[in-house]
Amino acid sequence: MVSIRRRTKCIDSIKQEDGTVVSEQSDISNAIYGFFEQKWMVQGIIEDGWPSLKSQKNYLAQFAGVLDGEVTKDEIWAVVRSLGRNKAPGGDGITASFFKYF
């Protein structure tokens, strides 16, 4: 089922900025890449109001012990239990219900 879903959720063709339609996968990839390359090249980065790197390091240092600590079995089960049933399965198609049951 996953392979069927994957085949149906692909881009068969795309219209480029000049109006031509391409259907080869390499041409589609190049068109998409070129679009985003152009989109992000035009915009500059505005750094006003961003926290300094030093302040970010100080902030993250507060959580270093928690982030570097071991993950417990209870923490994993708490997350699994909080997942919605049959919601947003991963690429393998296994839903949260499977993990809750087994």
N, C-alpha and C. Protein backbone atom coordinates (compact mmCIF):
# COMPACT_ATOMS: atom_id res chain seq x y z
N MET A 1 0.82 -1.19 0.00
CA MET A 1 0.00 0.00 0.00
C MET A 1 0.86 1.26 0.00
N VAL A 2 1.97 1.20 0.72
CA VAL A 2 2.83 2.38 0.77
C VAL A 2 3.38 2.70 -0.61
N SER A 3 3.76 1.67 -1.37
CA SER A 3 4.32 1.93 -2.70
C SER A 3 3.26 2.50 -3.64
N ILE A 4 2.00 2.09 -3.49
CA ILE A 4 0.92 2.65 -4.31
C ILE A 4 0.74 4.12 -3.97
N ARG A 5 0.73 4.43 -2.68
CA ARG A 5 0.58 5.82 -2.24
C ARG A 5 1.74 6.66 -2.76
N ARG A 6 2.93 6.11 -2.70
CA ARG A 6 4.11 6.84 -3.14
C ARG A 6 4.04 7.12 -4.64
N ARG A 7 3.55 6.16 -5.42
CA ARG A 7 3.45 6.36 -6.86
C ARG A 7 2.41 7.40 -7.22
N THR A 8 1.32 7.47 -6.46
CA THR A 8 0.26 8.42 -6.79
C THR A 8 0.54 9.81 -6.28
N LYS A 9 1.49 9.96 -5.37
CA LYS A 9 1.81 11.27 -4.82
C LYS A 9 3.14 11.77 -5.37
N CYS A 10 3.23 11.83 -6.68
CA CYS A 10 4.44 12.36 -7.28
C CYS A 10 4.04 13.41 -8.32
N ILE A 11 4.99 14.22 -8.68
CA ILE A 11 4.75 15.27 -9.66
C ILE A 11 5.07 14.70 -11.03
N ASP A 12 4.06 14.62 -11.90
CA ASP A 12 4.25 14.07 -13.24
C ASP A 12 4.78 15.11 -14.21
N SER A 13 4.38 16.36 -14.02
CA SER A 13 4.85 17.44 -14.88
C SER A 13 4.74 18.75 -14.12
N ILE A 14 5.47 19.74 -14.61
CA ILE A 14 5.46 21.05 -13.95
C ILE A 14 5.67 22.13 -15.01
N LYS A 15 4.98 23.24 -14.80
CA LYS A 15 5.13 24.37 -15.73
C LYS A 15 6.22 25.28 -15.20
N GLN A 16 7.19 25.56 -16.05
CA GLN A 16 8.29 26.43 -15.67
C GLN A 16 7.87 27.89 -15.80
N GLU A 17 8.72 28.78 -15.31
CA GLU A 17 8.40 30.21 -15.35
C GLU A 17 8.21 30.73 -16.77
N ASP A 18 8.90 30.14 -17.73
CA ASP A 18 8.77 30.59 -19.12
C ASP A 18 7.54 30.00 -19.81
N GLY A 19 6.76 29.19 -19.08
CA GLY A 19 5.53 28.63 -19.62
C GLY A 19 5.66 27.24 -20.21
N THR A 20 6.87 26.75 -20.37
CA THR A 20 7.03 25.40 -20.90
C THR A 20 6.72 24.36 -19.83
N VAL A 21 6.20 23.24 -20.27
CA VAL A 21 5.86 22.15 -19.35
C VAL A 21 6.90 21.05 -19.52
N VAL A 22 7.47 20.60 -18.41
CA VAL A 22 8.45 19.52 -18.45
C VAL A 22 7.90 18.32 -17.70
N SER A 23 8.27 17.12 -18.16
CA SER A 23 7.77 15.91 -17.51
C SER A 23 8.87 14.92 -17.14
N GLU A 24 10.09 15.16 -17.55
CA GLU A 24 11.21 14.31 -17.14
C GLU A 24 11.53 14.61 -15.68
N GLN A 25 11.79 13.56 -14.89
CA GLN A 25 12.04 13.76 -13.46
C GLN A 25 13.23 14.68 -13.21
N SER A 26 14.27 14.57 -14.01
CA SER A 26 15.44 15.44 -13.80
C SER A 26 15.08 16.89 -14.10
N ASP A 27 14.25 17.12 -15.13
CA ASP A 27 13.83 18.49 -15.46
C ASP A 27 12.91 19.05 -14.38
N ILE A 28 12.04 18.19 -13.82
CA ILE A 28 11.15 18.61 -12.74
C ILE A 28 11.98 19.00 -11.52
N SER A 29 12.95 18.16 -11.18
CA SER A 29 13.82 18.45 -10.03
C SER A 29 14.58 19.75 -10.24
N ASN A 30 15.10 19.95 -11.44
CA ASN A 30 15.83 21.19 -11.74
C ASN A 30 14.93 22.41 -11.65
N ALA A 31 13.69 22.28 -12.12
CA ALA A 31 12.75 23.40 -12.07
C ALA A 31 12.42 23.77 -10.62
N ILE A 32 12.18 22.77 -9.80
CA ILE A 32 11.86 23.03 -8.39
C ILE A 32 13.07 23.61 -7.68
N TYR A 33 14.23 23.03 -7.91
CA TYR A 33 15.46 23.53 -7.29
C TYR A 33 15.70 24.98 -7.71
N GLY A 34 15.56 25.24 -9.00
CA GLY A 34 15.78 26.60 -9.51
C GLY A 34 14.80 27.60 -8.92
N PHE A 35 13.54 27.18 -8.75
CA PHE A 35 12.53 28.07 -8.17
C PHE A 35 12.93 28.49 -6.76
N PHE A 36 13.28 27.51 -5.92
CA PHE A 36 13.62 27.84 -4.54
C PHE A 36 14.98 28.54 -4.44
N GLU A 37 15.89 28.21 -5.32
CA GLU A 37 17.17 28.90 -5.33
C GLU A 37 16.96 30.38 -5.63
N GLN A 38 16.12 30.67 -6.61
CA GLN A 38 15.82 32.05 -6.98
C GLN A 38 15.05 32.75 -5.86
N LYS A 39 14.09 32.04 -5.28
CA LYS A 39 13.26 32.62 -4.22
C LYS A 39 14.10 33.06 -3.03
N TRP A 40 15.01 32.22 -2.59
CA TRP A 40 15.78 32.54 -1.39
C TRP A 40 17.00 33.39 -1.69
N MET A 41 17.43 33.46 -2.93
CA MET A 41 18.56 34.30 -3.27
C MET A 41 18.17 35.78 -3.20
N VAL A 42 16.95 36.08 -3.54
CA VAL A 42 16.48 37.46 -3.59
C VAL A 42 16.33 38.05 -2.20
N GLN A 43 15.88 37.26 -1.25
CA GLN A 43 15.62 37.77 0.09
C GLN A 43 16.89 37.81 0.93
N GLY A 44 17.08 38.91 1.60
CA GLY A 44 18.20 39.02 2.52
C GLY A 44 17.79 38.54 3.90
N ILE A 45 18.76 38.39 4.75
CA ILE A 45 18.50 37.95 6.12
C ILE A 45 18.50 39.18 7.02
N ILE A 46 17.45 39.36 7.76
CA ILE A 46 17.34 40.48 8.70
C ILE A 46 17.66 39.95 10.09
N GLU A 47 18.73 40.44 10.66
CA GLU A 47 19.17 39.93 11.96
C GLU A 47 18.76 40.83 13.12
N ASP A 48 18.12 41.95 12.84
CA ASP A 48 17.70 42.86 13.90
C ASP A 48 16.72 42.16 14.83
N GLY A 49 16.96 42.26 16.12
CA GLY A 49 16.06 41.67 17.10
C GLY A 49 16.34 40.21 17.42
N TRP A 50 17.28 39.58 16.72
CA TRP A 50 17.62 38.19 17.01
C TRP A 50 18.55 38.16 18.22
N PRO A 51 18.41 37.15 19.07
CA PRO A 51 19.31 37.06 20.23
C PRO A 51 20.73 36.73 19.78
N SER A 52 21.69 37.18 20.55
CA SER A 52 23.08 36.90 20.21
C SER A 52 23.40 35.43 20.45
N LEU A 53 24.45 34.97 19.81
CA LEU A 53 24.87 33.57 19.98
C LEU A 53 25.22 33.29 21.44
N LYS A 54 25.84 34.26 22.09
CA LYS A 54 26.23 34.08 23.50
C LYS A 54 24.99 33.89 24.37
N SER A 55 23.95 34.68 24.15
CA SER A 55 22.74 34.54 24.96
C SER A 55 22.05 33.20 24.68
N GLN A 56 22.14 32.73 23.45
CA GLN A 56 21.54 31.43 23.12
C GLN A 56 22.27 30.31 23.83
N LYS A 57 23.61 30.39 23.86
CA LYS A 57 24.39 29.36 24.55
C LYS A 57 24.06 29.34 26.04
N ASN A 58 23.93 30.52 26.64
CA ASN A 58 23.59 30.59 28.06
C ASN A 58 22.21 30.00 28.32
N TYR A 59 21.27 30.27 27.43
CA TYR A 59 19.91 29.76 27.57
C TYR A 59 19.89 28.24 27.45
N LEU A 60 20.60 27.72 26.45
CA LEU A 60 20.62 26.27 26.23
C LEU A 60 21.36 25.53 27.34
N ALA A 61 22.31 26.21 27.99
CA ALA A 61 23.07 25.57 29.07
C ALA A 61 22.14 25.15 30.21
N GLN A 62 21.03 25.86 30.38
CA GLN A 62 20.06 25.51 31.42
C GLN A 62 19.48 24.11 31.20
N PHE A 63 19.37 23.71 29.94
CA PHE A 63 18.71 22.46 29.60
C PHE A 63 19.68 21.34 29.24
N ALA A 64 20.96 21.60 29.35
CA ALA A 64 21.96 20.62 28.93
C ALA A 64 21.79 19.29 29.67
N GLY A 65 21.54 19.34 30.95
CA GLY A 65 21.38 18.11 31.72
C GLY A 65 20.19 17.29 31.26
N VAL A 66 19.11 17.95 30.95
CA VAL A 66 17.91 17.26 30.49
C VAL A 66 18.13 16.68 29.09
N LEU A 67 18.73 17.47 28.22
CA LEU A 67 18.92 17.03 26.84
C LEU A 67 19.97 15.94 26.71
N ASP A 68 20.95 15.93 27.58
CA ASP A 68 22.01 14.93 27.53
C ASP A 68 21.68 13.69 28.35
N GLY A 69 20.59 13.71 29.09
CA GLY A 69 20.25 12.59 29.96
C GLY A 69 19.70 11.40 29.20
N GLU A 70 19.60 10.29 29.89
CA GLU A 70 19.05 9.07 29.32
C GLU A 70 17.53 9.20 29.15
N VAL A 71 17.01 8.60 28.12
CA VAL A 71 15.56 8.55 27.90
C VAL A 71 15.05 7.30 28.60
N THR A 72 14.04 7.48 29.44
CA THR A 72 13.53 6.34 30.19
C THR A 72 12.37 5.67 29.45
N LYS A 73 12.10 4.45 29.82
CA LYS A 73 11.00 3.70 29.24
C LYS A 73 9.67 4.40 29.53
N ASP A 74 9.54 4.96 30.73
CA ASP A 74 8.31 5.67 31.10
C ASP A 74 8.09 6.90 30.23
N GLU A 75 9.17 7.61 29.90
CA GLU A 75 9.04 8.79 29.03
C GLU A 75 8.57 8.39 27.63
N ILE A 76 9.12 7.30 27.12
CA ILE A 76 8.72 6.82 25.79
C ILE A 76 7.25 6.43 25.79
N TRP A 77 6.82 5.68 26.81
CA TRP A 77 5.42 5.26 26.87
C TRP A 77 4.48 6.45 27.04
N ALA A 78 4.91 7.47 27.77
CA ALA A 78 4.08 8.67 27.93
C ALA A 78 3.85 9.34 26.58
N VAL A 79 4.88 9.38 25.75
CA VAL A 79 4.74 9.98 24.42
C VAL A 79 3.86 9.12 23.54
N VAL A 80 4.07 7.81 23.56
CA VAL A 80 3.25 6.91 22.73
C VAL A 80 1.78 7.02 23.12
N ARG A 81 1.50 7.05 24.42
CA ARG A 81 0.10 7.17 24.87
C ARG A 81 -0.53 8.50 24.47
N SER A 82 0.28 9.54 24.31
CA SER A 82 -0.27 10.85 23.97
C SER A 82 -0.56 11.00 22.47
N LEU A 83 -0.09 10.05 21.66
CA LEU A 83 -0.32 10.13 20.22
C LEU A 83 -1.78 9.83 19.89
N GLY A 84 -2.31 10.53 18.91
CA GLY A 84 -3.68 10.27 18.47
C GLY A 84 -3.77 8.95 17.73
N ARG A 85 -4.92 8.29 17.83
CA ARG A 85 -5.09 7.00 17.16
C ARG A 85 -5.21 7.22 15.65
N ASN A 86 -4.50 6.42 14.90
CA ASN A 86 -4.54 6.44 13.44
C ASN A 86 -4.24 7.82 12.85
N LYS A 87 -3.45 8.60 13.54
CA LYS A 87 -3.09 9.93 13.06
C LYS A 87 -1.67 9.93 12.52
N ALA A 88 -1.49 10.63 11.41
CA ALA A 88 -0.19 10.90 10.81
C ALA A 88 0.79 9.73 10.87
N PRO A 89 0.46 8.64 10.19
CA PRO A 89 1.42 7.54 10.19
C PRO A 89 2.69 7.95 9.47
N GLY A 90 3.78 7.33 9.83
CA GLY A 90 5.05 7.64 9.17
C GLY A 90 5.10 7.02 7.79
N GLY A 91 6.25 7.08 7.18
CA GLY A 91 6.42 6.55 5.83
C GLY A 91 6.17 5.06 5.73
N ASP A 92 6.28 4.36 6.86
CA ASP A 92 6.06 2.92 6.85
C ASP A 92 4.59 2.56 6.98
N GLY A 93 3.71 3.54 7.24
CA GLY A 93 2.28 3.29 7.34
C GLY A 93 1.83 2.74 8.68
N ILE A 94 2.74 2.62 9.63
CA ILE A 94 2.38 2.10 10.95
C ILE A 94 1.82 3.25 11.79
N THR A 95 0.62 3.07 12.29
CA THR A 95 -0.03 4.12 13.07
C THR A 95 0.30 3.99 14.55
N ALA A 96 -0.07 5.01 15.30
CA ALA A 96 0.17 5.01 16.75
C ALA A 96 -0.60 3.88 17.42
N SER A 97 -1.74 3.49 16.87
CA SER A 97 -2.53 2.40 17.45
C SER A 97 -1.72 1.11 17.55
N PHE A 98 -0.90 0.86 16.55
CA PHE A 98 -0.05 -0.34 16.57
C PHE A 98 0.86 -0.32 17.79
N PHE A 99 1.53 0.81 18.01
CA PHE A 99 2.46 0.89 19.13
C PHE A 99 1.74 0.85 20.47
N LYS A 100 0.54 1.41 20.53
CA LYS A 100 -0.23 1.39 21.77
C LYS A 100 -0.66 -0.04 22.11
N TYR A 101 -0.98 -0.81 21.08
CA TYR A 101 -1.47 -2.17 21.30
C TYR A 101 -0.34 -3.13 21.65
N PHE A 102 0.78 -2.99 20.95
CA PHE A 102 1.88 -3.93 21.14
C PHE A 102 2.92 -3.33 22.05
